């Protein structure tokens, strides 16, 4: 495909050639999804079931459309693996006592992961 400009088009009248052009409508509102509770082993071999709620907002629609094919699937997969990786490095006591630190680290890793798109 082709990218017509560095800024999104619209509102107003936008001409699209049906045989050549493809458009993608991007919702710029804040969205949320739930990371389903998952069981993972901590560093001391304790089984923990944990879930998360992720809120996100698309700041650059051009970069998002050209950077990743399915944003929702990519965000869910990244959140799932990030949560697993964070909990794998902690003991059960640390998971119980450091919930705010785990949330901050989760947010930091997610922001790093989606920075390119």
N, C-alpha and C. Protein backbone atom coordinates (compact mmCIF):
# COMPACT_ATOMS: atom_id res chain seq x y z
N UNK A 1 0.80 -1.18 0.00
CA UNK A 1 0.00 0.00 0.00
C UNK A 1 0.85 1.24 0.00
N UNK A 2 0.20 2.34 0.11
CA UNK A 2 0.92 3.60 0.16
C UNK A 2 0.39 4.44 1.29
N UNK A 3 1.24 5.25 1.80
CA UNK A 3 0.88 6.17 2.86
C UNK A 3 0.88 7.55 2.24
N UNK A 4 -0.26 8.24 2.28
CA UNK A 4 -0.37 9.50 1.56
C UNK A 4 0.31 10.67 2.27
N UNK A 5 0.34 10.64 3.59
CA UNK A 5 0.96 11.76 4.30
C UNK A 5 1.38 11.30 5.69
N UNK A 6 2.05 12.15 6.39
CA UNK A 6 2.49 11.84 7.76
C UNK A 6 1.42 12.14 8.79
N UNK A 7 0.31 12.68 8.34
CA UNK A 7 -0.78 12.97 9.27
C UNK A 7 -2.03 12.24 8.81
N UNK A 8 -2.91 11.91 9.74
CA UNK A 8 -4.17 11.26 9.35
C UNK A 8 -5.04 12.19 8.51
N UNK A 9 -5.82 11.63 7.64
CA UNK A 9 -6.72 12.41 6.80
C UNK A 9 -8.08 12.54 7.46
N UNK A 10 -8.77 13.63 7.17
CA UNK A 10 -10.11 13.84 7.68
C UNK A 10 -10.09 14.78 8.86
N UNK A 11 -11.17 15.21 9.40
CA UNK A 11 -12.53 14.97 8.92
C UNK A 11 -12.79 15.75 7.64
N UNK A 12 -13.83 15.41 6.99
CA UNK A 12 -14.15 16.05 5.73
C UNK A 12 -14.17 15.03 4.63
N UNK A 13 -14.10 15.54 3.41
CA UNK A 13 -14.17 14.66 2.25
C UNK A 13 -12.77 14.14 1.92
N UNK A 14 -12.64 12.83 1.84
CA UNK A 14 -11.37 12.18 1.49
C UNK A 14 -11.64 11.26 0.32
N UNK A 15 -10.88 11.41 -0.75
CA UNK A 15 -11.07 10.60 -1.94
C UNK A 15 -10.19 9.36 -1.87
N UNK A 16 -10.81 8.20 -2.14
CA UNK A 16 -10.11 6.92 -2.11
C UNK A 16 -10.42 6.19 -3.41
N UNK A 17 -9.37 5.73 -4.07
CA UNK A 17 -9.55 4.93 -5.28
C UNK A 17 -9.74 3.48 -4.84
N UNK A 18 -10.91 2.89 -5.10
CA UNK A 18 -11.21 1.57 -4.55
C UNK A 18 -10.27 0.45 -5.01
N UNK A 19 -9.73 0.54 -6.20
CA UNK A 19 -8.85 -0.52 -6.69
C UNK A 19 -7.42 -0.39 -6.16
N UNK A 20 -7.03 0.80 -5.76
CA UNK A 20 -5.64 1.06 -5.39
C UNK A 20 -5.49 1.30 -3.89
N UNK A 21 -6.34 2.12 -3.33
CA UNK A 21 -6.18 2.57 -1.95
C UNK A 21 -6.92 1.68 -0.97
N UNK A 22 -6.43 1.67 0.23
CA UNK A 22 -7.09 0.98 1.34
C UNK A 22 -7.07 1.95 2.51
N UNK A 23 -8.18 2.05 3.18
CA UNK A 23 -8.20 2.92 4.34
C UNK A 23 -8.51 2.10 5.58
N UNK A 24 -8.05 2.60 6.69
CA UNK A 24 -8.32 1.93 7.96
C UNK A 24 -8.78 2.99 8.95
N UNK A 25 -9.93 2.76 9.51
CA UNK A 25 -10.51 3.68 10.47
C UNK A 25 -9.96 3.32 11.85
N UNK A 26 -9.41 4.31 12.56
CA UNK A 26 -8.77 4.09 13.85
C UNK A 26 -9.52 4.88 14.91
N UNK A 27 -9.93 4.18 15.96
CA UNK A 27 -10.62 4.81 17.08
C UNK A 27 -9.57 5.35 18.05
N UNK A 28 -9.60 6.64 18.32
CA UNK A 28 -8.59 7.29 19.15
C UNK A 28 -9.01 7.42 20.61
N UNK A 29 -10.13 6.83 20.98
CA UNK A 29 -10.55 6.88 22.38
C UNK A 29 -9.74 5.91 23.22
N UNK A 30 -9.74 6.12 24.52
CA UNK A 30 -9.06 5.20 25.43
C UNK A 30 -9.84 3.89 25.47
N UNK A 31 -9.10 2.78 25.33
CA UNK A 31 -9.72 1.45 25.32
C UNK A 31 -9.16 0.64 26.48
N UNK A 32 -9.85 -0.41 26.81
CA UNK A 32 -9.42 -1.28 27.91
C UNK A 32 -9.69 -2.73 27.54
N UNK A 33 -8.86 -3.60 28.08
CA UNK A 33 -9.11 -5.03 27.96
C UNK A 33 -8.58 -5.73 29.20
N UNK A 34 -9.12 -6.90 29.43
CA UNK A 34 -8.78 -7.67 30.62
C UNK A 34 -7.81 -8.78 30.22
N UNK A 35 -6.69 -8.88 30.95
CA UNK A 35 -5.79 -10.01 30.79
C UNK A 35 -6.35 -11.11 31.68
N UNK A 36 -6.77 -12.19 31.08
CA UNK A 36 -7.44 -13.26 31.82
C UNK A 36 -6.52 -13.79 32.93
N UNK A 37 -7.10 -14.16 34.06
CA UNK A 37 -6.26 -14.72 35.13
C UNK A 37 -5.51 -15.95 34.64
N UNK A 38 -4.24 -15.97 34.94
CA UNK A 38 -3.39 -17.05 34.48
C UNK A 38 -2.56 -17.57 35.65
N UNK A 39 -2.25 -18.82 35.59
CA UNK A 39 -1.44 -19.42 36.64
C UNK A 39 0.01 -19.46 36.19
N UNK A 40 0.90 -19.06 37.08
CA UNK A 40 2.32 -19.12 36.76
C UNK A 40 3.11 -19.44 38.03
N UNK A 41 4.28 -19.99 37.81
CA UNK A 41 5.15 -20.36 38.93
C UNK A 41 6.06 -19.19 39.28
N UNK A 42 6.20 -18.95 40.58
CA UNK A 42 7.13 -17.92 41.04
C UNK A 42 8.52 -18.54 41.19
N UNK A 43 9.46 -17.73 41.62
CA UNK A 43 10.84 -18.19 41.75
C UNK A 43 10.98 -19.31 42.79
N UNK A 44 10.13 -19.30 43.82
CA UNK A 44 10.19 -20.34 44.85
C UNK A 44 9.18 -21.47 44.60
N UNK A 45 8.78 -21.64 43.33
CA UNK A 45 7.92 -22.72 42.88
C UNK A 45 6.51 -22.69 43.47
N UNK A 46 6.01 -21.53 43.83
CA UNK A 46 4.63 -21.39 44.29
C UNK A 46 3.75 -21.07 43.08
N UNK A 47 2.56 -21.60 43.05
CA UNK A 47 1.64 -21.39 41.96
C UNK A 47 0.76 -20.18 42.29
N UNK A 48 0.78 -19.18 41.42
CA UNK A 48 0.05 -17.93 41.63
C UNK A 48 -0.90 -17.73 40.46
N UNK A 49 -2.13 -17.34 40.75
CA UNK A 49 -3.09 -16.99 39.72
C UNK A 49 -3.27 -15.48 39.75
N UNK A 50 -3.01 -14.83 38.62
CA UNK A 50 -3.05 -13.37 38.59
C UNK A 50 -3.58 -12.90 37.25
N UNK A 51 -4.29 -11.80 37.26
CA UNK A 51 -4.82 -11.18 36.05
C UNK A 51 -4.51 -9.70 36.08
N UNK A 52 -4.89 -9.00 35.03
CA UNK A 52 -4.62 -7.56 34.96
C UNK A 52 -5.66 -6.89 34.08
N UNK A 53 -5.76 -5.60 34.24
CA UNK A 53 -6.62 -4.77 33.40
C UNK A 53 -5.71 -3.76 32.72
N UNK A 54 -5.78 -3.68 31.40
CA UNK A 54 -4.90 -2.80 30.64
C UNK A 54 -5.74 -1.74 29.95
N UNK A 55 -5.36 -0.48 30.15
CA UNK A 55 -5.96 0.66 29.47
C UNK A 55 -4.94 1.20 28.50
N UNK A 56 -5.37 1.53 27.28
CA UNK A 56 -4.43 2.10 26.32
C UNK A 56 -5.13 3.11 25.42
N UNK A 57 -4.32 3.99 24.87
CA UNK A 57 -4.81 5.03 23.97
C UNK A 57 -3.82 5.13 22.82
N UNK A 58 -4.32 5.21 21.61
CA UNK A 58 -3.48 5.32 20.42
C UNK A 58 -3.15 6.78 20.20
N UNK A 59 -1.86 7.10 20.24
CA UNK A 59 -1.42 8.47 20.06
C UNK A 59 -1.03 8.78 18.62
N UNK A 60 -0.50 7.81 17.91
CA UNK A 60 -0.05 8.02 16.54
C UNK A 60 -0.69 6.96 15.64
N UNK A 61 -1.82 7.28 15.00
CA UNK A 61 -2.52 6.27 14.20
C UNK A 61 -1.74 5.81 12.98
N UNK A 62 -0.95 6.69 12.37
CA UNK A 62 -0.16 6.30 11.20
C UNK A 62 0.87 5.24 11.59
N UNK A 63 1.58 5.48 12.67
CA UNK A 63 2.60 4.54 13.14
C UNK A 63 1.95 3.22 13.57
N UNK A 64 0.79 3.28 14.17
CA UNK A 64 0.10 2.07 14.62
C UNK A 64 -0.33 1.22 13.43
N UNK A 65 -0.89 1.84 12.40
CA UNK A 65 -1.38 1.09 11.24
C UNK A 65 -0.22 0.49 10.45
N UNK A 66 0.88 1.21 10.32
CA UNK A 66 2.01 0.70 9.55
C UNK A 66 2.93 -0.20 10.37
N UNK A 67 2.82 -0.16 11.69
CA UNK A 67 3.75 -0.90 12.53
C UNK A 67 3.32 -2.30 12.92
N UNK A 68 2.02 -2.55 13.05
CA UNK A 68 1.55 -3.86 13.51
C UNK A 68 0.24 -4.19 12.79
N UNK A 69 0.04 -5.46 12.50
CA UNK A 69 -1.12 -5.86 11.71
C UNK A 69 -2.40 -5.87 12.55
N UNK A 70 -2.37 -6.46 13.74
CA UNK A 70 -3.56 -6.56 14.58
C UNK A 70 -3.19 -6.04 15.97
N UNK A 71 -3.56 -4.82 16.27
CA UNK A 71 -3.15 -4.16 17.50
C UNK A 71 -3.70 -4.87 18.73
N UNK A 72 -4.94 -5.25 18.71
CA UNK A 72 -5.55 -5.86 19.88
C UNK A 72 -4.88 -7.19 20.22
N UNK A 73 -4.63 -8.00 19.23
CA UNK A 73 -3.97 -9.29 19.45
C UNK A 73 -2.54 -9.07 19.97
N UNK A 74 -1.84 -8.13 19.38
CA UNK A 74 -0.47 -7.85 19.79
C UNK A 74 -0.41 -7.33 21.23
N UNK A 75 -1.35 -6.46 21.61
CA UNK A 75 -1.37 -5.93 22.98
C UNK A 75 -1.69 -7.05 23.98
N UNK A 76 -2.63 -7.92 23.66
CA UNK A 76 -2.98 -9.01 24.56
C UNK A 76 -1.80 -9.97 24.75
N UNK A 77 -1.13 -10.31 23.65
CA UNK A 77 0.01 -11.23 23.74
C UNK A 77 1.16 -10.60 24.53
N UNK A 78 1.42 -9.33 24.29
CA UNK A 78 2.49 -8.64 25.01
C UNK A 78 2.17 -8.54 26.49
N UNK A 79 0.93 -8.22 26.84
CA UNK A 79 0.54 -8.13 28.25
C UNK A 79 0.65 -9.49 28.93
N UNK A 80 0.23 -10.54 28.26
CA UNK A 80 0.29 -11.89 28.83
C UNK A 80 1.73 -12.30 29.12
N UNK A 81 2.61 -12.16 28.14
CA UNK A 81 4.00 -12.58 28.33
C UNK A 81 4.73 -11.68 29.32
N UNK A 82 4.42 -10.40 29.33
CA UNK A 82 5.05 -9.48 30.28
C UNK A 82 4.68 -9.84 31.71
N UNK A 83 3.42 -10.13 31.93
CA UNK A 83 2.98 -10.52 33.27
C UNK A 83 3.65 -11.80 33.72
N UNK A 84 3.76 -12.77 32.83
CA UNK A 84 4.45 -14.03 33.15
C UNK A 84 5.92 -13.77 33.51
N UNK A 85 6.59 -12.94 32.72
CA UNK A 85 8.01 -12.68 32.95
C UNK A 85 8.26 -11.94 34.26
N UNK A 86 7.39 -11.02 34.60
CA UNK A 86 7.56 -10.26 35.84
C UNK A 86 7.40 -11.18 37.05
N UNK A 87 6.38 -12.03 37.03
CA UNK A 87 6.11 -12.89 38.18
C UNK A 87 7.11 -14.03 38.31
N UNK A 88 7.69 -14.45 37.22
CA UNK A 88 8.66 -15.55 37.25
C UNK A 88 9.91 -15.19 38.06
N UNK A 89 10.25 -13.92 38.15
CA UNK A 89 11.46 -13.48 38.83
C UNK A 89 11.25 -13.16 40.31
N UNK A 90 10.04 -13.34 40.83
CA UNK A 90 9.75 -12.98 42.22
C UNK A 90 9.31 -14.21 43.02
N UNK A 91 9.48 -14.09 44.34
CA UNK A 91 8.98 -15.14 45.23
C UNK A 91 7.53 -14.82 45.58
N UNK A 92 6.86 -15.77 46.23
CA UNK A 92 5.46 -15.57 46.62
C UNK A 92 5.32 -14.39 47.57
N UNK A 93 6.23 -14.26 48.52
CA UNK A 93 6.18 -13.14 49.46
C UNK A 93 6.34 -11.80 48.77
N UNK A 94 7.22 -11.74 47.77
CA UNK A 94 7.40 -10.49 47.03
C UNK A 94 6.15 -10.16 46.21
N UNK A 95 5.51 -11.17 45.66
CA UNK A 95 4.29 -10.92 44.88
C UNK A 95 3.20 -10.35 45.77
N UNK A 96 3.08 -10.88 46.98
CA UNK A 96 2.05 -10.38 47.90
C UNK A 96 2.36 -8.98 48.42
N UNK A 97 3.62 -8.68 48.66
CA UNK A 97 3.99 -7.40 49.28
C UNK A 97 4.24 -6.28 48.28
N UNK A 98 4.57 -6.59 47.06
CA UNK A 98 4.99 -5.57 46.11
C UNK A 98 4.00 -5.44 44.95
N UNK A 99 2.73 -5.40 45.24
CA UNK A 99 1.74 -5.34 44.16
C UNK A 99 1.84 -4.02 43.38
N UNK A 100 2.08 -2.91 44.05
CA UNK A 100 2.20 -1.63 43.35
C UNK A 100 3.46 -1.58 42.49
N UNK A 101 4.55 -2.12 43.01
CA UNK A 101 5.79 -2.16 42.23
C UNK A 101 5.64 -3.07 41.01
N UNK A 102 4.92 -4.17 41.16
CA UNK A 102 4.67 -5.06 40.03
C UNK A 102 3.83 -4.35 38.98
N UNK A 103 2.83 -3.60 39.41
CA UNK A 103 2.00 -2.83 38.47
C UNK A 103 2.81 -1.78 37.73
N UNK A 104 3.69 -1.08 38.44
CA UNK A 104 4.53 -0.07 37.78
C UNK A 104 5.49 -0.71 36.78
N UNK A 105 6.07 -1.84 37.15
CA UNK A 105 6.99 -2.53 36.25
C UNK A 105 6.25 -3.06 35.02
N UNK A 106 5.04 -3.57 35.24
CA UNK A 106 4.19 -4.06 34.15
C UNK A 106 3.90 -2.92 33.16
N UNK A 107 3.55 -1.76 33.69
CA UNK A 107 3.26 -0.60 32.85
C UNK A 107 4.51 -0.17 32.08
N UNK A 108 5.66 -0.15 32.73
CA UNK A 108 6.90 0.27 32.09
C UNK A 108 7.26 -0.67 30.93
N UNK A 109 7.16 -2.00 31.17
CA UNK A 109 7.49 -2.96 30.12
C UNK A 109 6.51 -2.88 28.95
N UNK A 110 5.24 -2.66 29.23
CA UNK A 110 4.27 -2.52 28.15
C UNK A 110 4.55 -1.27 27.31
N UNK A 111 4.87 -0.17 27.98
CA UNK A 111 5.17 1.06 27.23
C UNK A 111 6.41 0.91 26.38
N UNK A 112 7.42 0.20 26.90
CA UNK A 112 8.62 -0.06 26.10
C UNK A 112 8.30 -0.93 24.89
N UNK A 113 7.44 -1.92 25.08
CA UNK A 113 7.11 -2.85 24.01
C UNK A 113 6.33 -2.23 22.88
N UNK A 114 5.47 -1.28 23.18
CA UNK A 114 4.62 -0.68 22.14
C UNK A 114 5.16 0.65 21.64
N UNK A 115 6.30 1.05 22.11
CA UNK A 115 6.85 2.36 21.70
C UNK A 115 7.07 2.44 20.20
N UNK A 116 7.47 1.36 19.56
CA UNK A 116 7.75 1.40 18.12
C UNK A 116 6.48 1.43 17.27
N UNK A 117 5.34 1.08 17.86
CA UNK A 117 4.09 1.13 17.12
C UNK A 117 3.01 1.71 17.96
